[in-house]
PDB file of all heavy atoms in Angstrom:
ATOM      1  N   TYR A   1       0.856  -1.196  -0.002  1.00  0.00           N
ATOM      2  CA  TYR A   1       0.018  -0.004   0.004  1.00  0.00           C
ATOM      3  C   TYR A   1       0.889   1.233   0.001  1.00  0.00           C
ATOM      4  O   TYR A   1       1.999   1.190   0.428  1.00  0.00           O
ATOM      5  CB  TYR A   1      -0.923   0.002   1.211  1.00  0.00           C
ATOM      6  CG  TYR A   1      -0.251   0.001   2.563  1.00  0.00           C
ATOM      7  CD1 TYR A   1       0.042   1.218   3.184  1.00  0.00           C
ATOM      8  CD2 TYR A   1       0.108  -1.163   3.184  1.00  0.00           C
ATOM      9  CE1 TYR A   1       0.706   1.248   4.379  1.00  0.00           C
ATOM     10  CE2 TYR A   1       0.764  -1.153   4.378  1.00  0.00           C
ATOM     11  CZ  TYR A   1       1.054   0.065   4.981  1.00  0.00           C
ATOM     12  OH  TYR A   1       1.701   0.053   6.184  1.00  0.00           O
ATOM     13  N   TYR A   2       0.373   2.316  -0.523  1.00  0.00           N
ATOM     14  CA  TYR A   2       1.124   3.566  -0.571  1.00  0.00           C
ATOM     15  C   TYR A   2       0.897   4.380   0.627  1.00  0.00           C
ATOM     16  O   TYR A   2      -0.219   4.447   1.171  1.00  0.00           O
ATOM     17  CB  TYR A   2       0.725   4.363  -1.835  1.00  0.00           C
ATOM     18  CG  TYR A   2       1.106   3.666  -3.130  1.00  0.00           C
ATOM     19  CD1 TYR A   2       0.200   3.021  -3.923  1.00  0.00           C
ATOM     20  CD2 TYR A   2       2.428   3.704  -3.543  1.00  0.00           C
ATOM     21  CE1 TYR A   2       0.568   2.367  -5.075  1.00  0.00           C
ATOM     22  CE2 TYR A   2       2.825   3.068  -4.748  1.00  0.00           C
ATOM     23  CZ  TYR A   2       1.883   2.421  -5.495  1.00  0.00           C
ATOM     24  OH  TYR A   2       2.255   1.773  -6.641  1.00  0.00           O
ATOM     25  N   ALA A   3       1.922   5.008   1.121  1.00  0.00           N
ATOM     26  CA  ALA A   3       1.831   5.883   2.265  1.00  0.00           C
ATOM     27  C   ALA A   3       1.099   7.166   1.868  1.00  0.00           C
ATOM     28  O   ALA A   3       1.193   7.620   0.718  1.00  0.00           O
ATOM     29  CB  ALA A   3       3.205   6.256   2.789  1.00  0.00           C
ATOM     30  N   THR A   4       0.367   7.752   2.785  1.00  0.00           N
ATOM     31  CA  THR A   4      -0.352   8.988   2.549  1.00  0.00           C
ATOM     32  C   THR A   4       0.429  10.130   3.178  1.00  0.00           C
ATOM     33  O   THR A   4       1.185   9.943   4.187  1.00  0.00           O
ATOM     34  CB  THR A   4      -1.763   8.982   3.114  1.00  0.00           C
ATOM     35  OG1 THR A   4      -1.681   8.691   4.519  1.00  0.00           O
ATOM     36  CG2 THR A   4      -2.596   7.878   2.441  1.00  0.00           C
ATOM     37  N   TYR A   5       0.340  11.335   2.601  1.00  0.00           N
ATOM     38  CA  TYR A   5       1.024  12.520   3.122  1.00  0.00           C
ATOM     39  C   TYR A   5       0.412  12.850   4.478  1.00  0.00           C
ATOM     40  O   TYR A   5      -0.802  12.784   4.656  1.00  0.00           O
ATOM     41  CB  TYR A   5       0.876  13.649   2.148  1.00  0.00           C
ATOM     42  CG  TYR A   5       1.844  14.758   2.373  1.00  0.00           C
ATOM     43  CD1 TYR A   5       3.184  14.610   1.983  1.00  0.00           C
ATOM     44  CD2 TYR A   5       1.453  15.924   3.031  1.00  0.00           C
ATOM     45  CE1 TYR A   5       4.084  15.633   2.242  1.00  0.00           C
ATOM     46  CE2 TYR A   5       2.372  16.944   3.242  1.00  0.00           C
ATOM     47  CZ  TYR A   5       3.673  16.786   2.851  1.00  0.00           C
ATOM     48  OH  TYR A   5       4.572  17.779   3.090  1.00  0.00           O
ATOM     49  N   PRO A   6       1.259  13.212   5.465  1.00  0.00           N
ATOM     50  CA  PRO A   6       0.719  13.503   6.794  1.00  0.00           C
ATOM     51  C   PRO A   6      -0.157  14.778   6.770  1.00  0.00           C
ATOM     52  O   PRO A   6       0.066  15.693   6.029  1.00  0.00           O
ATOM     53  CB  PRO A   6       1.932  13.736   7.653  1.00  0.00           C
ATOM     54  CG  PRO A   6       3.072  13.862   6.730  1.00  0.00           C
ATOM     55  CD  PRO A   6       2.696  13.288   5.417  1.00  0.00           C
ATOM     56  N   THR A   7      -1.177  14.708   7.620  1.00  0.00           N
ATOM     57  CA  THR A   7      -2.119  15.858   7.748  1.00  0.00           C
ATOM     58  C   THR A   7      -1.401  17.003   8.460  1.00  0.00           C
ATOM     59  O   THR A   7      -0.317  16.843   9.023  1.00  0.00           O
ATOM     60  CB  THR A   7      -3.372  15.444   8.505  1.00  0.00           C
ATOM     61  OG1 THR A   7      -2.977  15.089   9.849  1.00  0.00           O
ATOM     62  CG2 THR A   7      -4.102  14.303   7.844  1.00  0.00           C
ATOM     63  N   GLN A   8      -2.062  18.139   8.480  1.00  0.00           N
ATOM     64  CA  GLN A   8      -1.479  19.312   9.191  1.00  0.00           C
ATOM     65  C   GLN A   8      -1.294  19.046  10.667  1.00  0.00           C
ATOM     66  O   GLN A   8      -0.270  19.457  11.258  1.00  0.00           O
ATOM     67  CB  GLN A   8      -2.384  20.566   9.049  1.00  0.00           C
ATOM     68  CG  GLN A   8      -2.425  21.118   7.617  1.00  0.00           C
ATOM     69  CD  GLN A   8      -1.139  21.891   7.301  1.00  0.00           C
ATOM     70  OE1 GLN A   8      -0.055  21.520   7.745  1.00  0.00           O
ATOM     71  NE2 GLN A   8      -1.295  22.942   6.570  1.00  0.00           N
ATOM     72  N   GLN A   9      -2.231  18.330  11.298  1.00  0.00           N
ATOM     73  CA  GLN A   9      -2.106  18.020  12.715  1.00  0.00           C
ATOM     74  C   GLN A   9      -0.909  17.069  12.963  1.00  0.00           C
ATOM     75  O   GLN A   9      -0.146  17.271  13.902  1.00  0.00           O
ATOM     76  CB  GLN A   9      -3.394  17.315  13.207  1.00  0.00           C
ATOM     77  CG  GLN A   9      -3.373  17.011  14.672  1.00  0.00           C
ATOM     78  CD  GLN A   9      -4.622  16.298  15.113  1.00  0.00           C
ATOM     79  OE1 GLN A   9      -5.453  15.959  14.303  1.00  0.00           O
ATOM     80  NE2 GLN A   9      -4.789  16.136  16.372  1.00  0.00           N
ATOM     81  N   GLN A  10      -0.705  16.108  12.086  1.00  0.00           N
ATOM     82  CA  GLN A  10       0.412  15.186  12.229  1.00  0.00           C
ATOM     83  C   GLN A  10       1.741  15.951  12.007  1.00  0.00           C
ATOM     84  O   GLN A  10       2.728  15.688  12.739  1.00  0.00           O
ATOM     85  CB  GLN A  10       0.342  14.052  11.229  1.00  0.00           C
ATOM     86  CG  GLN A  10      -0.768  13.072  11.540  1.00  0.00           C
ATOM     87  CD  GLN A  10      -0.976  12.032  10.427  1.00  0.00           C
ATOM     88  OE1 GLN A  10      -0.695  12.342   9.283  1.00  0.00           O
ATOM     89  NE2 GLN A  10      -1.418  10.865  10.820  1.00  0.00           N
ATOM     90  N   GLN A  11       1.777  16.866  11.052  1.00  0.00           N
ATOM     91  CA  GLN A  11       2.966  17.646  10.804  1.00  0.00           C
ATOM     92  C   GLN A  11       3.329  18.494  12.018  1.00  0.00           C
ATOM     93  O   GLN A  11       4.505  18.603  12.403  1.00  0.00           O
ATOM     94  CB  GLN A  11       2.809  18.543   9.577  1.00  0.00           C
ATOM     95  CG  GLN A  11       2.739  17.782   8.274  1.00  0.00           C
ATOM     96  CD  GLN A  11       2.494  18.678   7.086  1.00  0.00           C
ATOM     97  OE1 GLN A  11       2.491  19.929   7.221  1.00  0.00           O
ATOM     98  NE2 GLN A  11       2.249  18.072   5.946  1.00  0.00           N
ATOM     99  N   ARG A  12       2.293  19.099  12.655  1.00  0.00           N
ATOM    100  CA  ARG A  12       2.590  19.907  13.865  1.00  0.00           C
ATOM    101  C   ARG A  12       3.098  19.021  14.982  1.00  0.00           C
ATOM    102  O   ARG A  12       3.989  19.399  15.727  1.00  0.00           O
ATOM    103  CB  ARG A  12       1.301  20.626  14.339  1.00  0.00           C
ATOM    104  CG  ARG A  12       1.142  21.987  13.682  1.00  0.00           C
ATOM    105  CD  ARG A  12      -0.022  22.764  14.232  1.00  0.00           C
ATOM    106  NE  ARG A  12      -0.992  22.863  13.191  1.00  0.00           N
ATOM    107  CZ  ARG A  12      -2.236  22.320  13.182  1.00  0.00           C
ATOM    108  NH1 ARG A  12      -2.634  21.644  14.209  1.00  0.00           N
ATOM    109  NH2 ARG A  12      -3.001  22.480  12.148  1.00  0.00           N
ATOM    110  N   ARG A  13       2.527  17.815  15.141  1.00  0.00           N
ATOM    111  CA  ARG A  13       2.958  16.892  16.152  1.00  0.00           C
ATOM    112  C   ARG A  13       4.412  16.467  15.917  1.00  0.00           C
ATOM    113  O   ARG A  13       5.242  16.412  16.851  1.00  0.00           O
ATOM    114  CB  ARG A  13       2.060  15.662  16.160  1.00  0.00           C
ATOM    115  CG  ARG A  13       2.271  14.804  17.412  1.00  0.00           C
ATOM    116  CD  ARG A  13       1.306  13.650  17.475  1.00  0.00           C
ATOM    117  NE  ARG A  13       0.002  13.898  16.906  1.00  0.00           N
ATOM    118  CZ  ARG A  13      -0.663  13.029  16.151  1.00  0.00           C
ATOM    119  NH1 ARG A  13      -0.182  11.835  15.885  1.00  0.00           N
ATOM    120  NH2 ARG A  13      -1.841  13.350  15.653  1.00  0.00           N
ATOM    121  N   TYR A  14       4.799  16.234  14.671  1.00  0.00           N
ATOM    122  CA  TYR A  14       6.181  15.896  14.331  1.00  0.00           C
ATOM    123  C   TYR A  14       7.115  17.058  14.674  1.00  0.00           C
ATOM    124  O   TYR A  14       8.226  16.841  15.186  1.00  0.00           O
ATOM    125  CB  TYR A  14       6.354  15.551  12.875  1.00  0.00           C
ATOM    126  CG  TYR A  14       5.626  14.311  12.442  1.00  0.00           C
ATOM    127  CD1 TYR A  14       5.156  14.152  11.148  1.00  0.00           C
ATOM    128  CD2 TYR A  14       5.440  13.228  13.320  1.00  0.00           C
ATOM    129  CE1 TYR A  14       4.511  12.976  10.737  1.00  0.00           C
ATOM    130  CE2 TYR A  14       4.771  12.057  12.921  1.00  0.00           C
ATOM    131  CZ  TYR A  14       4.349  11.968  11.637  1.00  0.00           C
ATOM    132  OH  TYR A  14       3.685  10.810  11.245  1.00  0.00           O
ATOM    133  N   LEU A  15       6.696  18.274  14.415  1.00  0.00           N
ATOM    134  CA  LEU A  15       7.470  19.439  14.725  1.00  0.00           C
ATOM    135  C   LEU A  15       7.694  19.582  16.230  1.00  0.00           C
ATOM    136  O   LEU A  15       8.824  19.806  16.690  1.00  0.00           O
ATOM    137  CB  LEU A  15       6.795  20.713  14.198  1.00  0.00           C
ATOM    138  CG  LEU A  15       7.503  22.039  14.488  1.00  0.00           C
ATOM    139  CD1 LEU A  15       8.888  22.049  13.786  1.00  0.00           C
ATOM    140  CD2 LEU A  15       6.670  23.209  14.012  1.00  0.00           C
ATOM    141  N   VAL A  16       6.650  19.381  17.026  1.00  0.00           N
ATOM    142  CA  VAL A  16       6.755  19.449  18.476  1.00  0.00           C
ATOM    143  C   VAL A  16       7.675  18.350  18.997  1.00  0.00           C
ATOM    144  O   VAL A  16       8.544  18.582  19.843  1.00  0.00           O
ATOM    145  CB  VAL A  16       5.352  19.387  19.154  1.00  0.00           C
ATOM    146  CG1 VAL A  16       5.493  19.186  20.643  1.00  0.00           C
ATOM    147  CG2 VAL A  16       4.542  20.615  18.848  1.00  0.00           C
ATOM    148  N   GLN A  17       7.546  17.160  18.452  1.00  0.00           N
ATOM    149  CA  GLN A  17       8.438  16.042  18.893  1.00  0.00           C
ATOM    150  C   GLN A  17       9.891  16.360  18.541  1.00  0.00           C
ATOM    151  O   GLN A  17      10.758  16.023  19.309  1.00  0.00           O
ATOM    152  CB  GLN A  17       7.975  14.767  18.224  1.00  0.00           C
ATOM    153  CG  GLN A  17       6.707  14.186  18.725  1.00  0.00           C
ATOM    154  CD  GLN A  17       6.275  12.919  17.976  1.00  0.00           C
ATOM    155  OE1 GLN A  17       6.834  12.600  16.939  1.00  0.00           O
ATOM    156  NE2 GLN A  17       5.228  12.295  18.466  1.00  0.00           N
ATOM    157  N   GLY A  18      10.136  16.988  17.364  1.00  0.00           N
ATOM    158  CA  GLY A  18      11.482  17.351  17.005  1.00  0.00           C
ATOM    159  C   GLY A  18      12.074  18.416  17.949  1.00  0.00           C
ATOM    160  O   GLY A  18      13.230  18.304  18.345  1.00  0.00           O
ATOM    161  N   ILE A  19      11.262  19.375  18.275  1.00  0.00           N
ATOM    162  CA  ILE A  19      11.752  20.423  19.223  1.00  0.00           C
ATOM    163  C   ILE A  19      12.068  19.860  20.589  1.00  0.00           C
ATOM    164  O   ILE A  19      13.066  20.157  21.222  1.00  0.00           O
ATOM    165  CB  ILE A  19      10.684  21.550  19.318  1.00  0.00           C
ATOM    166  CG1 ILE A  19      10.603  22.289  17.990  1.00  0.00           C
ATOM    167  CG2 ILE A  19      11.025  22.503  20.445  1.00  0.00           C
ATOM    168  CD1 ILE A  19       9.483  23.293  17.858  1.00  0.00           C
ATOM    169  N   VAL A  20      11.174  18.967  21.099  1.00  0.00           N
ATOM    170  CA  VAL A  20      11.417  18.320  22.363  1.00  0.00           C
ATOM    171  C   VAL A  20      12.700  17.474  22.323  1.00  0.00           C
ATOM    172  O   VAL A  20      13.490  17.467  23.238  1.00  0.00           O
ATOM    173  CB  VAL A  20      10.206  17.454  22.820  1.00  0.00           C
ATOM    174  CG1 VAL A  20      10.532  16.557  23.989  1.00  0.00           C
ATOM    175  CG2 VAL A  20       9.027  18.320  23.095  1.00  0.00           C
ATOM    176  N   ALA A  21      12.903  16.759  21.193  1.00  0.00           N
ATOM    177  CA  ALA A  21      14.131  15.947  21.077  1.00  0.00           C
ATOM    178  C   ALA A  21      15.355  16.825  21.095  1.00  0.00           C
ATOM    179  O   ALA A  21      16.371  16.458  21.691  1.00  0.00           O
ATOM    180  CB  ALA A  21      14.021  15.148  19.798  1.00  0.00           C
ATOM    181  N   VAL A  22      15.327  17.933  20.402  1.00  0.00           N
ATOM    182  CA  VAL A  22      16.506  18.870  20.361  1.00  0.00           C
ATOM    183  C   VAL A  22      16.783  19.349  21.751  1.00  0.00           C
ATOM    184  O   VAL A  22      17.967  19.366  22.201  1.00  0.00           O
ATOM    185  CB  VAL A  22      16.231  20.020  19.399  1.00  0.00           C
ATOM    186  CG1 VAL A  22      17.243  21.130  19.573  1.00  0.00           C
ATOM    187  CG2 VAL A  22      16.225  19.518  17.967  1.00  0.00           C
ATOM    188  N   PHE A  23      15.782  19.784  22.472  1.00  0.00           N
ATOM    189  CA  PHE A  23      16.027  20.252  23.860  1.00  0.00           C
ATOM    190  C   PHE A  23      16.527  19.155  24.745  1.00  0.00           C
ATOM    191  O   PHE A  23      17.357  19.358  25.667  1.00  0.00           O
ATOM    192  CB  PHE A  23      14.774  20.905  24.465  1.00  0.00           C
ATOM    193  CG  PHE A  23      14.548  22.283  23.977  1.00  0.00           C
ATOM    194  CD1 PHE A  23      13.368  22.633  23.326  1.00  0.00           C
ATOM    195  CD2 PHE A  23      15.508  23.299  24.134  1.00  0.00           C
ATOM    196  CE1 PHE A  23      13.150  23.927  22.874  1.00  0.00           C
ATOM    197  CE2 PHE A  23      15.277  24.582  23.699  1.00  0.00           C
ATOM    198  CZ  PHE A  23      14.123  24.866  23.035  1.00  0.00           C
ATOM    199  N   LEU A  24      16.035  17.931  24.576  1.00  0.00           N
ATOM    200  CA  LEU A  24      16.528  16.795  25.369  1.00  0.00           C
ATOM    201  C   LEU A  24      18.024  16.552  25.072  1.00  0.00           C
ATOM    202  O   LEU A  24      18.770  16.346  26.037  1.00  0.00           O
ATOM    203  CB  LEU A  24      15.711  15.538  25.012  1.00  0.00           C
ATOM    204  CG  LEU A  24      16.122  14.277  25.752  1.00  0.00           C
ATOM    205  CD1 LEU A  24      15.832  14.392  27.266  1.00  0.00           C
ATOM    206  CD2 LEU A  24      15.377  13.084  25.178  1.00  0.00           C
ATOM    207  N   ILE A  25      18.378  16.559  23.815  1.00  0.00           N
ATOM    208  CA  ILE A  25      19.815  16.339  23.496  1.00  0.00           C
ATOM    209  C   ILE A  25      20.678  17.487  24.017  1.00  0.00           C
ATOM    210  O   ILE A  25      21.746  17.257  24.570  1.00  0.00           O
ATOM    211  CB  ILE A  25      19.973  16.202  21.957  1.00  0.00           C
ATOM    212  CG1 ILE A  25      19.224  15.001  21.438  1.00  0.00           C
ATOM    213  CG2 ILE A  25      21.465  16.159  21.561  1.00  0.00           C
ATOM    214  CD1 ILE A  25      19.711  13.688  22.010  1.00  0.00           C
ATOM    215  N   ILE A  26      20.194  18.711  23.925  1.00  0.00           N
ATOM    216  CA  ILE A  26      20.961  19.850  24.465  1.00  0.00           C
ATOM    217  C   ILE A  26      21.136  19.692  25.969  1.00  0.00           C
ATOM    218  O   ILE A  26      22.178  19.954  26.543  1.00  0.00           O
ATOM    219  CB  ILE A  26      20.274  21.188  24.100  1.00  0.00           C
ATOM    220  CG1 ILE A  26      20.433  21.485  22.578  1.00  0.00           C
ATOM    221  CG2 ILE A  26      20.851  22.322  24.913  1.00  0.00           C
ATOM    222  CD1 ILE A  26      19.635  22.639  22.084  1.00  0.00           C
ATOM    223  N   GLY A  27      20.077  19.268  26.663  1.00  0.00           N
ATOM    224  CA  GLY A  27      20.132  19.077  28.100  1.00  0.00           C
ATOM    225  C   GLY A  27      21.113  17.952  28.464  1.00  0.00           C
ATOM    226  O   GLY A  27      21.881  18.108  29.421  1.00  0.00           O
ATOM    227  N   VAL A  28      21.107  16.868  27.741  1.00  0.00           N
ATOM    228  CA  VAL A  28      22.044  15.765  28.038  1.00  0.00           C
ATOM    229  C   VAL A  28      23.489  16.174  27.817  1.00  0.00           C
ATOM    230  O   VAL A  28      24.360  15.896  28.607  1.00  0.00           O
ATOM    231  CB  VAL A  28      21.679  14.527  27.135  1.00  0.00           C
ATOM    232  CG1 VAL A  28      22.768  13.476  27.200  1.00  0.00           C
ATOM    233  CG2 VAL A  28      20.375  13.935  27.609  1.00  0.00           C
ATOM    234  N   VAL A  29      23.737  16.895  26.736  1.00  0.00           N
ATOM    235  CA  VAL A  29      25.109  17.372  26.458  1.00  0.00           C
ATOM    236  C   VAL A  29      25.512  18.387  27.531  1.00  0.00           C
ATOM    237  O   VAL A  29      26.668  18.375  27.970  1.00  0.00           O
ATOM    238  CB  VAL A  29      25.163  17.994  25.052  1.00  0.00           C
ATOM    239  CG1 VAL A  29      26.467  18.695  24.781  1.00  0.00           C
ATOM    240  CG2 VAL A  29      24.968  16.916  23.971  1.00  0.00           C
TER     241      VAL A  29
END
């Protein structure tokens, strides 16, 4: 099956997860 493009809500969720991950890495370092 073909993947579907993420919705706007999913894109925002990915952005928030990325920001949280960046801050987590900065904190660990």
